[in-house]
Amino acid sequence: MASKLLLIAVFVLDLIAFGLAVAAEQRRSTAKIVQDSEIDYNYCVYDSDIATGYGVGAFLFLMASQALIIVASRCFCCGKALNPSGSRAWAVILFIVCWLFFLIAEICLLAGSAQNAYHTKYRTVFSELPPSCETVRKGVFGAGAAFIFLTAIVNKLYYISYSNARENSFQPYGGGREAGVGMGAYK
């Protein structure tokens, strides 16, 4: 049986990560072009940098959630052999999908946080072109939030499938009734 306490803890961590990613999307840095007082050059002025903190927080909470699931399931590769069944097949598929969604979410959050923290120092001196004030593209943190949501669903399904397969774990040589190798009479 899957641990309900673990599932609740992972749900809370995923919910916090999702909320932080949505907040990061809402609070992305914006920039405006400003002229200096002597009108010699233009430069970029950025507003709040809070989205970087939100993005890194979502990154860390999602990582903690994934770590809890993987430690609880012994990374799927350690421990007793699982019973060859539908639950084991689903656990394998969901394990791979869970890691794929997790990696995409982490890349979106990390890239968004790094891009949000980057501020151009570019100035135009006696030029017609305004400076390029780089900011995070709209939707980077939103994509991270979407993949956090998908990861949250898939990692819970993975853990439940893994737990079902582990309950009926494979017992070679007579189902664990005897310690030795079972041998029949030879005729």
N, C-alpha and C. Protein backbone atom coordinates (compact mmCIF):
# COMPACT_ATOMS: atom_id res chain seq x y z
N MET A 1 0.84 -1.18 0.00
CA MET A 1 0.00 0.00 0.00
C MET A 1 0.88 1.24 0.00
N ALA A 2 0.56 2.19 -0.82
CA ALA A 2 1.30 3.43 -0.91
C ALA A 2 1.12 4.23 0.38
N SER A 3 2.18 4.86 0.82
CA SER A 3 2.14 5.66 2.03
C SER A 3 1.35 6.94 1.80
N LYS A 4 0.27 7.10 2.53
CA LYS A 4 -0.56 8.29 2.37
C LYS A 4 0.16 9.53 2.88
N LEU A 5 0.95 9.37 3.92
CA LEU A 5 1.71 10.50 4.45
C LEU A 5 2.70 11.02 3.41
N LEU A 6 3.38 10.10 2.73
CA LEU A 6 4.32 10.49 1.69
C LEU A 6 3.60 11.19 0.54
N LEU A 7 2.46 10.65 0.12
CA LEU A 7 1.71 11.26 -0.97
C LEU A 7 1.23 12.66 -0.60
N ILE A 8 0.83 12.85 0.65
CA ILE A 8 0.39 14.18 1.09
C ILE A 8 1.57 15.15 1.12
N ALA A 9 2.71 14.70 1.63
CA ALA A 9 3.90 15.56 1.68
C ALA A 9 4.35 15.96 0.27
N VAL A 10 4.33 15.01 -0.65
CA VAL A 10 4.72 15.30 -2.03
C VAL A 10 3.71 16.25 -2.68
N PHE A 11 2.43 16.04 -2.40
CA PHE A 11 1.40 16.93 -2.92
C PHE A 11 1.61 18.37 -2.45
N VAL A 12 1.92 18.54 -1.17
CA VAL A 12 2.15 19.89 -0.63
C VAL A 12 3.37 20.53 -1.29
N LEU A 13 4.45 19.77 -1.43
CA LEU A 13 5.65 20.31 -2.08
C LEU A 13 5.37 20.70 -3.54
N ASP A 14 4.63 19.84 -4.25
CA ASP A 14 4.28 20.15 -5.64
C ASP A 14 3.37 21.37 -5.73
N LEU A 15 2.44 21.49 -4.80
CA LEU A 15 1.54 22.63 -4.79
C LEU A 15 2.30 23.94 -4.55
N ILE A 16 3.24 23.92 -3.63
CA ILE A 16 4.07 25.11 -3.37
C ILE A 16 4.90 25.44 -4.61
N ALA A 17 5.51 24.43 -5.23
CA ALA A 17 6.31 24.66 -6.44
C ALA A 17 5.45 25.24 -7.56
N PHE A 18 4.25 24.72 -7.73
CA PHE A 18 3.35 25.23 -8.76
C PHE A 18 2.98 26.68 -8.49
N GLY A 19 2.64 26.99 -7.23
CA GLY A 19 2.29 28.36 -6.87
C GLY A 19 3.45 29.33 -7.10
N LEU A 20 4.66 28.91 -6.76
CA LEU A 20 5.82 29.77 -6.97
C LEU A 20 6.09 29.98 -8.46
N ALA A 21 5.90 28.95 -9.26
CA ALA A 21 6.12 29.09 -10.71
C ALA A 21 5.09 30.04 -11.33
N VAL A 22 3.84 29.95 -10.90
CA VAL A 22 2.80 30.86 -11.40
C VAL A 22 3.11 32.29 -10.95
N ALA A 23 3.55 32.44 -9.70
CA ALA A 23 3.91 33.78 -9.21
C ALA A 23 5.11 34.34 -9.98
N ALA A 24 6.06 33.50 -10.32
CA ALA A 24 7.21 33.95 -11.11
C ALA A 24 6.76 34.42 -12.49
N GLU A 25 5.82 33.71 -13.08
CA GLU A 25 5.31 34.13 -14.40
C GLU A 25 4.62 35.48 -14.30
N GLN A 26 3.89 35.71 -13.23
CA GLN A 26 3.18 36.98 -13.05
C GLN A 26 4.12 38.14 -12.74
N ARG A 27 5.25 37.86 -12.11
CA ARG A 27 6.15 38.93 -11.65
C ARG A 27 7.46 38.99 -12.44
N ARG A 28 7.43 38.57 -13.71
CA ARG A 28 8.64 38.64 -14.53
C ARG A 28 9.16 40.07 -14.58
N SER A 29 10.46 40.21 -14.74
CA SER A 29 11.06 41.54 -14.86
C SER A 29 10.61 42.19 -16.16
N THR A 30 10.41 43.48 -16.07
CA THR A 30 10.16 44.27 -17.27
C THR A 30 11.21 45.36 -17.31
N ALA A 31 11.44 45.89 -18.49
CA ALA A 31 12.47 46.91 -18.65
C ALA A 31 11.94 48.05 -19.48
N LYS A 32 12.49 49.21 -19.24
CA LYS A 32 12.15 50.36 -20.07
C LYS A 32 13.43 51.12 -20.41
N ILE A 33 13.40 51.78 -21.52
CA ILE A 33 14.56 52.54 -21.99
C ILE A 33 14.47 53.95 -21.42
N VAL A 34 15.58 54.39 -20.84
CA VAL A 34 15.65 55.71 -20.22
C VAL A 34 16.84 56.47 -20.80
N GLN A 35 16.67 57.78 -20.98
CA GLN A 35 17.80 58.61 -21.40
C GLN A 35 18.45 59.21 -20.17
N ASP A 36 19.76 59.38 -20.24
CA ASP A 36 20.44 60.01 -19.12
C ASP A 36 20.11 61.50 -19.09
N SER A 37 20.54 62.18 -18.07
CA SER A 37 20.19 63.58 -17.90
C SER A 37 20.84 64.49 -18.94
N GLU A 38 21.94 64.08 -19.48
CA GLU A 38 22.63 64.90 -20.48
C GLU A 38 22.27 64.49 -21.91
N ILE A 39 21.40 63.54 -22.06
CA ILE A 39 20.92 63.05 -23.34
C ILE A 39 22.07 62.58 -24.24
N ASP A 40 23.05 61.93 -23.63
CA ASP A 40 24.16 61.38 -24.39
C ASP A 40 23.90 59.93 -24.80
N TYR A 41 23.20 59.22 -23.96
CA TYR A 41 22.98 57.80 -24.26
C TYR A 41 21.68 57.32 -23.62
N ASN A 42 21.23 56.18 -24.11
CA ASN A 42 20.05 55.50 -23.57
C ASN A 42 20.52 54.25 -22.84
N TYR A 43 19.77 53.86 -21.83
CA TYR A 43 20.09 52.62 -21.11
C TYR A 43 18.80 51.99 -20.59
N CYS A 44 18.91 50.75 -20.15
CA CYS A 44 17.75 49.98 -19.68
C CYS A 44 17.62 50.07 -18.17
N VAL A 45 16.40 50.24 -17.72
CA VAL A 45 16.10 50.22 -16.28
C VAL A 45 15.12 49.08 -16.05
N TYR A 46 15.51 48.16 -15.16
CA TYR A 46 14.69 46.98 -14.87
C TYR A 46 13.95 47.18 -13.56
N ASP A 47 12.76 46.59 -13.49
CA ASP A 47 12.01 46.65 -12.24
C ASP A 47 12.38 45.47 -11.35
N SER A 48 11.52 45.09 -10.48
CA SER A 48 11.78 44.06 -9.46
C SER A 48 12.37 42.79 -10.05
N ASP A 49 13.20 42.13 -9.22
CA ASP A 49 13.85 40.88 -9.61
C ASP A 49 13.28 39.71 -8.81
N ILE A 50 12.07 39.84 -8.32
CA ILE A 50 11.48 38.84 -7.43
C ILE A 50 11.18 37.52 -8.15
N ALA A 51 10.94 37.56 -9.45
CA ALA A 51 10.61 36.35 -10.19
C ALA A 51 11.77 35.34 -10.18
N THR A 52 12.99 35.85 -10.10
CA THR A 52 14.13 34.94 -10.02
C THR A 52 14.06 34.10 -8.74
N GLY A 53 13.76 34.74 -7.63
CA GLY A 53 13.62 34.02 -6.36
C GLY A 53 12.47 33.03 -6.39
N TYR A 54 11.36 33.43 -6.98
CA TYR A 54 10.22 32.52 -7.09
C TYR A 54 10.57 31.32 -7.96
N GLY A 55 11.27 31.55 -9.06
CA GLY A 55 11.66 30.47 -9.95
C GLY A 55 12.61 29.49 -9.28
N VAL A 56 13.59 30.02 -8.55
CA VAL A 56 14.54 29.16 -7.85
C VAL A 56 13.82 28.39 -6.73
N GLY A 57 12.89 29.04 -6.04
CA GLY A 57 12.11 28.36 -5.01
C GLY A 57 11.29 27.22 -5.59
N ALA A 58 10.63 27.46 -6.72
CA ALA A 58 9.86 26.41 -7.38
C ALA A 58 10.78 25.26 -7.81
N PHE A 59 11.96 25.60 -8.31
CA PHE A 59 12.96 24.61 -8.70
C PHE A 59 13.31 23.71 -7.52
N LEU A 60 13.58 24.32 -6.37
CA LEU A 60 14.00 23.56 -5.19
C LEU A 60 12.86 22.72 -4.60
N PHE A 61 11.65 23.26 -4.56
CA PHE A 61 10.52 22.50 -4.03
C PHE A 61 10.19 21.31 -4.94
N LEU A 62 10.27 21.51 -6.25
CA LEU A 62 10.02 20.39 -7.16
C LEU A 62 11.11 19.33 -7.02
N MET A 63 12.35 19.77 -6.83
CA MET A 63 13.45 18.82 -6.66
C MET A 63 13.26 18.01 -5.37
N ALA A 64 12.82 18.67 -4.30
CA ALA A 64 12.57 17.96 -3.03
C ALA A 64 11.43 16.95 -3.19
N SER A 65 10.40 17.32 -3.92
CA SER A 65 9.29 16.42 -4.17
C SER A 65 9.74 15.18 -4.94
N GLN A 66 10.51 15.40 -5.98
CA GLN A 66 11.00 14.28 -6.78
C GLN A 66 11.94 13.39 -5.96
N ALA A 67 12.78 14.01 -5.14
CA ALA A 67 13.71 13.24 -4.30
C ALA A 67 12.95 12.35 -3.32
N LEU A 68 11.88 12.87 -2.73
CA LEU A 68 11.08 12.05 -1.80
C LEU A 68 10.50 10.82 -2.49
N ILE A 69 9.94 11.02 -3.66
CA ILE A 69 9.34 9.90 -4.39
C ILE A 69 10.41 8.88 -4.77
N ILE A 70 11.55 9.36 -5.25
CA ILE A 70 12.60 8.44 -5.71
C ILE A 70 13.22 7.69 -4.53
N VAL A 71 13.43 8.36 -3.41
CA VAL A 71 13.98 7.68 -2.23
C VAL A 71 12.98 6.65 -1.71
N ALA A 72 11.71 7.01 -1.68
CA ALA A 72 10.70 6.09 -1.18
C ALA A 72 10.56 4.85 -2.07
N SER A 73 10.76 5.04 -3.37
CA SER A 73 10.65 3.89 -4.27
C SER A 73 12.01 3.25 -4.57
N ARG A 74 13.01 3.67 -3.85
CA ARG A 74 14.37 3.13 -4.00
C ARG A 74 14.85 3.23 -5.45
N CYS A 75 14.52 4.36 -6.06
CA CYS A 75 14.95 4.67 -7.43
C CYS A 75 14.54 3.57 -8.41
N PHE A 76 13.58 2.79 -8.07
CA PHE A 76 12.99 1.75 -8.90
C PHE A 76 13.94 0.60 -9.22
N CYS A 77 15.22 0.78 -8.95
CA CYS A 77 16.17 -0.27 -9.36
C CYS A 77 16.78 -1.02 -8.19
N CYS A 78 16.64 -0.51 -6.99
CA CYS A 78 17.21 -1.18 -5.82
C CYS A 78 16.10 -1.90 -5.06
N GLY A 79 16.46 -2.87 -4.31
CA GLY A 79 15.47 -3.61 -3.51
C GLY A 79 15.07 -4.90 -4.17
N LYS A 80 13.98 -5.49 -3.65
CA LYS A 80 13.50 -6.77 -4.17
C LYS A 80 12.98 -6.62 -5.59
N ALA A 81 13.01 -7.74 -6.31
CA ALA A 81 12.44 -7.76 -7.65
C ALA A 81 10.93 -7.60 -7.56
N LEU A 82 10.37 -6.91 -8.53
CA LEU A 82 8.93 -6.70 -8.55
C LEU A 82 8.25 -7.80 -9.34
N ASN A 83 7.04 -8.11 -8.96
CA ASN A 83 6.25 -9.13 -9.62
C ASN A 83 5.96 -8.71 -11.06
N PRO A 84 6.22 -9.59 -12.03
CA PRO A 84 5.89 -9.24 -13.40
C PRO A 84 4.37 -9.14 -13.56
N SER A 85 3.89 -7.93 -13.63
CA SER A 85 2.45 -7.71 -13.71
C SER A 85 2.19 -6.39 -14.41
N GLY A 86 0.94 -6.04 -14.51
CA GLY A 86 0.55 -4.77 -15.10
C GLY A 86 1.03 -3.60 -14.28
N SER A 87 1.04 -3.75 -12.95
CA SER A 87 1.51 -2.66 -12.08
C SER A 87 2.98 -2.37 -12.31
N ARG A 88 3.78 -3.41 -12.52
CA ARG A 88 5.20 -3.20 -12.78
C ARG A 88 5.41 -2.53 -14.13
N ALA A 89 4.65 -2.94 -15.12
CA ALA A 89 4.75 -2.33 -16.45
C ALA A 89 4.40 -0.84 -16.38
N TRP A 90 3.31 -0.52 -15.69
CA TRP A 90 2.93 0.87 -15.54
C TRP A 90 3.96 1.64 -14.73
N ALA A 91 4.53 1.02 -13.73
CA ALA A 91 5.56 1.68 -12.93
C ALA A 91 6.77 2.04 -13.79
N VAL A 92 7.17 1.15 -14.68
CA VAL A 92 8.31 1.43 -15.56
C VAL A 92 7.99 2.60 -16.49
N ILE A 93 6.84 2.55 -17.12
CA ILE A 93 6.44 3.61 -18.05
C ILE A 93 6.32 4.95 -17.32
N LEU A 94 5.65 4.95 -16.18
CA LEU A 94 5.46 6.19 -15.43
C LEU A 94 6.76 6.72 -14.84
N PHE A 95 7.69 5.83 -14.51
CA PHE A 95 9.01 6.25 -14.03
C PHE A 95 9.73 7.07 -15.10
N ILE A 96 9.70 6.58 -16.32
CA ILE A 96 10.37 7.29 -17.42
C ILE A 96 9.68 8.62 -17.72
N VAL A 97 8.35 8.60 -17.79
CA VAL A 97 7.59 9.82 -18.08
C VAL A 97 7.76 10.84 -16.96
N CYS A 98 7.78 10.36 -15.72
CA CYS A 98 7.96 11.23 -14.56
C CYS A 98 9.30 11.97 -14.65
N TRP A 99 10.37 11.25 -14.97
CA TRP A 99 11.68 11.89 -15.09
C TRP A 99 11.72 12.85 -16.27
N LEU A 100 11.06 12.54 -17.35
CA LEU A 100 11.03 13.42 -18.52
C LEU A 100 10.34 14.73 -18.17
N PHE A 101 9.15 14.64 -17.58
CA PHE A 101 8.43 15.85 -17.18
C PHE A 101 9.20 16.64 -16.14
N PHE A 102 9.82 15.95 -15.20
CA PHE A 102 10.61 16.62 -14.16
C PHE A 102 11.75 17.41 -14.78
N LEU A 103 12.49 16.79 -15.69
CA LEU A 103 13.62 17.48 -16.31
C LEU A 103 13.18 18.69 -17.13
N ILE A 104 12.07 18.57 -17.85
CA ILE A 104 11.57 19.71 -18.63
C ILE A 104 11.16 20.85 -17.69
N ALA A 105 10.47 20.52 -16.60
CA ALA A 105 10.06 21.56 -15.64
C ALA A 105 11.27 22.24 -15.02
N GLU A 106 12.26 21.45 -14.62
CA GLU A 106 13.45 22.03 -14.00
C GLU A 106 14.22 22.91 -14.98
N ILE A 107 14.31 22.50 -16.24
CA ILE A 107 15.00 23.30 -17.25
C ILE A 107 14.27 24.62 -17.47
N CYS A 108 12.94 24.57 -17.57
CA CYS A 108 12.16 25.81 -17.74
C CYS A 108 12.36 26.76 -16.56
N LEU A 109 12.30 26.22 -15.35
CA LEU A 109 12.45 27.07 -14.17
C LEU A 109 13.86 27.64 -14.06
N LEU A 110 14.85 26.83 -14.32
CA LEU A 110 16.23 27.29 -14.22
C LEU A 110 16.56 28.30 -15.31
N ALA A 111 16.13 28.02 -16.53
CA ALA A 111 16.39 28.96 -17.63
C ALA A 111 15.64 30.28 -17.41
N GLY A 112 14.41 30.20 -16.96
CA GLY A 112 13.65 31.41 -16.68
C GLY A 112 14.26 32.24 -15.57
N SER A 113 14.72 31.58 -14.53
CA SER A 113 15.35 32.30 -13.42
C SER A 113 16.66 32.95 -13.85
N ALA A 114 17.45 32.23 -14.62
CA ALA A 114 18.72 32.80 -15.07
C ALA A 114 18.49 33.97 -16.03
N GLN A 115 17.52 33.82 -16.94
CA GLN A 115 17.24 34.91 -17.88
C GLN A 115 16.63 36.11 -17.17
N ASN A 116 15.82 35.86 -16.16
CA ASN A 116 15.20 36.96 -15.42
C ASN A 116 16.25 37.74 -14.62
N ALA A 117 17.27 37.06 -14.15
CA ALA A 117 18.32 37.72 -13.37
C ALA A 117 19.30 38.49 -14.26
N TYR A 118 19.32 38.18 -15.55
CA TYR A 118 20.26 38.83 -16.45
C TYR A 118 19.73 40.20 -16.86
N HIS A 119 20.54 41.21 -16.64
CA HIS A 119 20.18 42.57 -17.04
C HIS A 119 21.26 43.11 -17.97
N THR A 120 20.82 43.60 -19.10
CA THR A 120 21.81 44.11 -20.06
C THR A 120 22.40 45.41 -19.55
N LYS A 121 23.66 45.58 -19.78
CA LYS A 121 24.36 46.81 -19.41
C LYS A 121 24.60 47.67 -20.65
N TYR A 122 23.99 47.26 -21.73
CA TYR A 122 24.22 47.90 -23.02
C TYR A 122 23.70 49.33 -23.02
N ARG A 123 24.49 50.22 -23.55
CA ARG A 123 24.09 51.61 -23.69
C ARG A 123 24.33 52.04 -25.13
N THR A 124 23.50 52.89 -25.61
CA THR A 124 23.74 53.43 -26.95
C THR A 124 24.31 54.83 -26.80
N VAL A 125 25.40 55.06 -27.47
CA VAL A 125 26.03 56.38 -27.45
C VAL A 125 25.90 56.96 -28.84
N PHE A 126 25.18 58.03 -28.97
CA PHE A 126 24.97 58.71 -30.24
C PHE A 126 24.51 57.74 -31.33
N SER A 127 23.58 56.92 -31.02
CA SER A 127 23.09 55.94 -31.98
C SER A 127 21.59 56.11 -32.15
N GLU A 128 21.13 55.72 -33.29
CA GLU A 128 19.69 55.82 -33.58
C GLU A 128 18.92 54.64 -32.99
N LEU A 129 19.58 53.50 -32.86
CA LEU A 129 18.91 52.30 -32.36
C LEU A 129 18.83 52.31 -30.84
N PRO A 130 17.67 51.97 -30.29
CA PRO A 130 17.58 51.88 -28.82
C PRO A 130 18.29 50.61 -28.34
N PRO A 131 18.68 50.56 -27.08
CA PRO A 131 19.34 49.35 -26.56
C PRO A 131 18.33 48.20 -26.48
N SER A 132 18.85 46.99 -26.55
CA SER A 132 17.97 45.82 -26.43
C SER A 132 17.88 45.45 -24.96
N CYS A 133 16.75 45.72 -24.37
CA CYS A 133 16.53 45.41 -22.95
C CYS A 133 15.95 44.00 -22.87
N GLU A 134 16.82 43.01 -22.66
CA GLU A 134 16.39 41.63 -22.66
C GLU A 134 15.64 41.29 -21.38
N THR A 135 14.53 40.59 -21.56
CA THR A 135 13.75 40.09 -20.43
C THR A 135 13.32 38.66 -20.74
N VAL A 136 12.75 38.00 -19.76
CA VAL A 136 12.28 36.63 -19.94
C VAL A 136 11.06 36.65 -20.86
N ARG A 137 11.05 35.72 -21.80
CA ARG A 137 9.89 35.62 -22.68
C ARG A 137 8.67 35.19 -21.87
N LYS A 138 7.55 35.69 -22.28
CA LYS A 138 6.30 35.32 -21.60
C LYS A 138 6.04 33.84 -21.81
N GLY A 139 5.75 33.13 -20.74
CA GLY A 139 5.40 31.72 -20.83
C GLY A 139 6.48 30.76 -20.40
N VAL A 140 7.70 31.23 -20.12
CA VAL A 140 8.76 30.32 -19.69
C VAL A 140 8.43 29.74 -18.33
N PHE A 141 8.10 30.59 -17.38
CA PHE A 141 7.71 30.10 -16.06
C PHE A 141 6.36 29.39 -16.12
N GLY A 142 5.49 29.83 -17.04
CA GLY A 142 4.20 29.16 -17.22
C GLY A 142 4.37 27.73 -17.70
N ALA A 143 5.32 27.53 -18.62
CA ALA A 143 5.60 26.17 -19.08
C ALA A 143 6.16 25.34 -17.94
N GLY A 144 7.02 25.96 -17.12
CA GLY A 144 7.53 25.26 -15.94
C GLY A 144 6.40 24.86 -15.00
N ALA A 145 5.43 25.76 -14.81
CA ALA A 145 4.29 25.46 -13.94
C ALA A 145 3.45 24.32 -14.52
N ALA A 146 3.26 24.33 -15.83
CA ALA A 146 2.49 23.25 -16.47
C ALA A 146 3.18 21.91 -16.29
N PHE A 147 4.50 21.89 -16.46
CA PHE A 147 5.21 20.62 -16.30
C PHE A 147 5.34 20.22 -14.83
N ILE A 148 5.29 21.18 -13.92
CA ILE A 148 5.22 20.83 -12.49
C ILE A 148 3.91 20.10 -12.23
N PHE A 149 2.83 20.61 -12.79
CA PHE A 149 1.52 19.97 -12.63
C PHE A 149 1.53 18.55 -13.19
N LEU A 150 2.08 18.39 -14.39
CA LEU A 150 2.15 17.05 -15.00
C LEU A 150 3.05 16.12 -14.19
N THR A 151 4.17 16.65 -13.72
CA THR A 151 5.08 15.85 -12.89
C THR A 151 4.38 15.41 -11.61
N ALA A 152 3.61 16.32 -11.02
CA ALA A 152 2.90 15.99 -9.77
C ALA A 152 1.93 14.83 -9.98
N ILE A 153 1.22 14.84 -11.09
CA ILE A 153 0.27 13.76 -11.36
C ILE A 153 1.01 12.45 -11.62
N VAL A 154 2.00 12.51 -12.50
CA VAL A 154 2.68 11.28 -12.93
C VAL A 154 3.49 10.66 -11.80
N ASN A 155 4.16 11.49 -10.96
CA ASN A 155 4.97 10.87 -9.92
C ASN A 155 4.11 10.20 -8.84
N LYS A 156 2.92 10.70 -8.61
CA LYS A 156 2.02 10.03 -7.67
C LYS A 156 1.51 8.71 -8.25
N LEU A 157 1.14 8.73 -9.53
CA LEU A 157 0.71 7.50 -10.19
C LEU A 157 1.85 6.48 -10.23
N TYR A 158 3.06 6.95 -10.48
CA TYR A 158 4.23 6.06 -10.47
C TYR A 158 4.40 5.41 -9.11
N TYR A 159 4.33 6.21 -8.05
CA TYR A 159 4.54 5.67 -6.71
C TYR A 159 3.45 4.66 -6.34
N ILE A 160 2.22 4.94 -6.73
CA ILE A 160 1.13 4.00 -6.44
C ILE A 160 1.32 2.71 -7.22
N SER A 161 1.69 2.81 -8.50
CA SER A 161 1.94 1.60 -9.29
C SER A 161 3.12 0.81 -8.74
N TYR A 162 4.16 1.52 -8.36
CA TYR A 162 5.33 0.86 -7.78
C TYR A 162 4.95 0.15 -6.48
N SER A 163 4.17 0.80 -5.64
CA SER A 163 3.75 0.20 -4.37
C SER A 163 2.90 -1.04 -4.59
N ASN A 164 2.01 -0.99 -5.58
CA ASN A 164 1.19 -2.16 -5.89
C ASN A 164 2.05 -3.32 -6.40
N ALA A 165 3.03 -3.01 -7.22
CA ALA A 165 3.91 -4.06 -7.73
C ALA A 165 4.81 -4.59 -6.62
N ARG A 166 5.21 -3.75 -5.69
CA ARG A 166 6.08 -4.19 -4.59
C ARG A 166 5.33 -5.08 -3.61
N GLU A 167 4.05 -4.81 -3.38
CA GLU A 167 3.26 -5.65 -2.47
C GLU A 167 3.21 -7.09 -2.94
N ASN A 168 3.14 -7.25 -4.24
CA ASN A 168 3.09 -8.59 -4.81
C ASN A 168 4.44 -8.94 -5.40
N SER A 169 5.49 -8.66 -4.66
CA SER A 169 6.83 -8.84 -5.20
C SER A 169 7.13 -10.29 -5.52
N PHE A 170 7.99 -10.47 -6.46
CA PHE A 170 8.32 -11.78 -7.00
C PHE A 170 9.08 -12.61 -5.96
N GLN A 171 8.59 -13.81 -5.69
CA GLN A 171 9.22 -14.73 -4.74
C GLN A 171 9.67 -15.99 -5.49
N PRO A 172 10.92 -16.06 -5.88
CA PRO A 172 11.35 -17.25 -6.62
C PRO A 172 11.43 -18.46 -5.70
N TYR A 173 11.43 -19.64 -6.30
CA TYR A 173 11.64 -20.91 -5.60
C TYR A 173 10.57 -21.17 -4.53
N GLY A 174 9.35 -21.25 -4.94
CA GLY A 174 8.31 -21.69 -4.02
C GLY A 174 7.63 -20.58 -3.25
N GLY A 175 7.77 -19.35 -3.66
CA GLY A 175 7.04 -18.26 -3.02
C GLY A 175 7.53 -17.91 -1.65
N GLY A 176 8.74 -18.21 -1.31
CA GLY A 176 9.29 -17.80 -0.02
C GLY A 176 8.92 -18.71 1.13
N ARG A 177 8.34 -19.89 0.84
CA ARG A 177 7.94 -20.80 1.92
C ARG A 177 9.13 -21.54 2.50
N GLU A 178 10.14 -21.77 1.69
CA GLU A 178 11.29 -22.50 2.19
C GLU A 178 12.56 -21.76 1.80
N ALA A 179 13.58 -21.95 2.57
CA ALA A 179 14.81 -21.22 2.34
C ALA A 179 15.65 -21.82 1.22
N GLY A 180 15.54 -23.10 1.00
CA GLY A 180 16.35 -23.78 0.00
C GLY A 180 15.67 -23.86 -1.35
N VAL A 181 16.33 -24.53 -2.24
CA VAL A 181 15.78 -24.74 -3.58
C VAL A 181 14.83 -25.93 -3.50
N GLY A 182 13.61 -25.72 -3.96
CA GLY A 182 12.63 -26.80 -3.94
C GLY A 182 12.96 -27.85 -4.99
N MET A 183 13.00 -29.11 -4.58
CA MET A 183 13.31 -30.19 -5.51
C MET A 183 12.23 -31.25 -5.40
N GLY A 184 11.83 -31.75 -6.53
CA GLY A 184 10.84 -32.80 -6.54
C GLY A 184 11.50 -34.16 -6.58
N ALA A 185 10.71 -35.19 -6.41
CA ALA A 185 11.24 -36.57 -6.46
C ALA A 185 11.59 -36.90 -7.91
N TYR A 186 12.72 -37.58 -8.06
CA TYR A 186 13.17 -37.97 -9.38
C TYR A 186 12.71 -39.39 -9.65
N LYS A 187 12.05 -39.60 -10.77
CA LYS A 187 11.57 -40.95 -11.11
C LYS A 187 12.15 -41.42 -12.40
